[in-house]
Amino acid sequence: MARDNFSYSKHQRELGKKKKAEEKKQKKLDRKAQELAPAPEPVPTEKIDN
């Protein structure tokens, strides 16, 4: 009977968790950066004749 390589499976699972946590952290930082960044003011498209 073949044995599972549990340590390899556990290592892969831990790597997946770390990767997912890092992506979540980066997503939160990106969202926070967008909230803190001032929204660009709209540029008027009408021409003013003098």
C-alpha atoms as a PDB file:
ATOM      1  CA  MET A   1       0.000   0.000   0.000  1.00  0.00           C
ATOM      2  CA  ALA A   2       1.356   3.413  -0.964  1.00  0.00           C
ATOM      3  CA  ARG A   3       1.606   6.158   1.605  1.00  0.00           C
ATOM      4  CA  ASP A   4       0.654   9.761   1.014  1.00  0.00           C
ATOM      5  CA  ASN A   5       3.435  12.281   1.235  1.00  0.00           C
ATOM      6  CA  PHE A   6       1.661  14.253   3.945  1.00  0.00           C
ATOM      7  CA  SER A   7       4.474  16.713   4.558  1.00  0.00           C
ATOM      8  CA  TYR A   8       4.439  17.743   0.883  1.00  0.00           C
ATOM      9  CA  SER A   9       0.660  18.139   0.891  1.00  0.00           C
ATOM     10  CA  LYS A  10       0.828  20.163   4.099  1.00  0.00           C
ATOM     11  CA  HIS A  11       3.573  22.369   2.678  1.00  0.00           C
ATOM     12  CA  GLN A  12       1.556  23.010  -0.502  1.00  0.00           C
ATOM     13  CA  ARG A  13      -1.519  23.866   1.560  1.00  0.00           C
ATOM     14  CA  GLU A  14       0.489  26.305   3.703  1.00  0.00           C
ATOM     15  CA  LEU A  15       1.948  27.955   0.584  1.00  0.00           C
ATOM     16  CA  GLY A  16      -1.571  28.378  -0.790  1.00  0.00           C
ATOM     17  CA  LYS A  17      -2.733  29.994   2.442  1.00  0.00           C
ATOM     18  CA  LYS A  18       0.237  32.377   2.479  1.00  0.00           C
ATOM     19  CA  LYS A  19      -0.346  33.337  -1.150  1.00  0.00           C
ATOM     20  CA  LYS A  20      -4.036  33.972  -0.547  1.00  0.00           C
ATOM     21  CA  ALA A  21      -3.299  36.043   2.572  1.00  0.00           C
ATOM     22  CA  GLU A  22      -0.716  38.128   0.671  1.00  0.00           C
ATOM     23  CA  GLU A  23      -3.185  38.774  -2.175  1.00  0.00           C
ATOM     24  CA  LYS A  24      -5.838  39.810   0.350  1.00  0.00           C
ATOM     25  CA  LYS A  25      -3.382  42.146   2.084  1.00  0.00           C
ATOM     26  CA  GLN A  26      -2.369  43.726  -1.232  1.00  0.00           C
ATOM     27  CA  LYS A  27      -6.009  44.152  -2.256  1.00  0.00           C
ATOM     28  CA  LYS A  28      -6.760  45.956   1.010  1.00  0.00           C
ATOM     29  CA  LEU A  29      -3.739  48.237   0.563  1.00  0.00           C
ATOM     30  CA  ASP A  30      -4.797  49.075  -3.005  1.00  0.00           C
ATOM     31  CA  ARG A  31      -8.332  49.865  -1.867  1.00  0.00           C
ATOM     32  CA  LYS A  32      -7.059  52.062   0.963  1.00  0.00           C
ATOM     33  CA  ALA A  33      -4.700  53.906  -1.406  1.00  0.00           C
ATOM     34  CA  GLN A  34      -7.584  54.665  -3.778  1.00  0.00           C
ATOM     35  CA  GLU A  35      -9.715  56.012  -0.925  1.00  0.00           C
ATOM     36  CA  LEU A  36      -6.930  58.295   0.291  1.00  0.00           C
ATOM     37  CA  ALA A  37      -6.004  59.563  -3.175  1.00  0.00           C
ATOM     38  CA  PRO A  38      -7.907  62.726  -4.054  1.00  0.00           C
ATOM     39  CA  ALA A  39     -10.356  62.327  -6.877  1.00  0.00           C
ATOM     40  CA  PRO A  40      -9.271  64.235  -9.989  1.00  0.00           C
ATOM     41  CA  GLU A  41     -11.379  67.298 -10.618  1.00  0.00           C
ATOM     42  CA  PRO A  42     -13.446  67.139 -13.795  1.00  0.00           C
ATOM     43  CA  VAL A  43     -12.067  69.248 -16.602  1.00  0.00           C
ATOM     44  CA  PRO A  44     -14.647  71.631 -18.080  1.00  0.00           C
ATOM     45  CA  THR A  45     -15.354  70.792 -21.695  1.00  0.00           C
ATOM     46  CA  GLU A  46     -17.141  74.010 -22.587  1.00  0.00           C
ATOM     47  CA  LYS A  47     -15.139  76.799 -24.173  1.00  0.00           C
ATOM     48  CA  ILE A  48     -15.583  80.244 -22.736  1.00  0.00           C
ATOM     49  CA  ASP A  49     -15.704  82.977 -25.401  1.00  0.00           C
ATOM     50  CA  ASN A  50     -14.249  86.311 -24.333  1.00  0.00           C
END
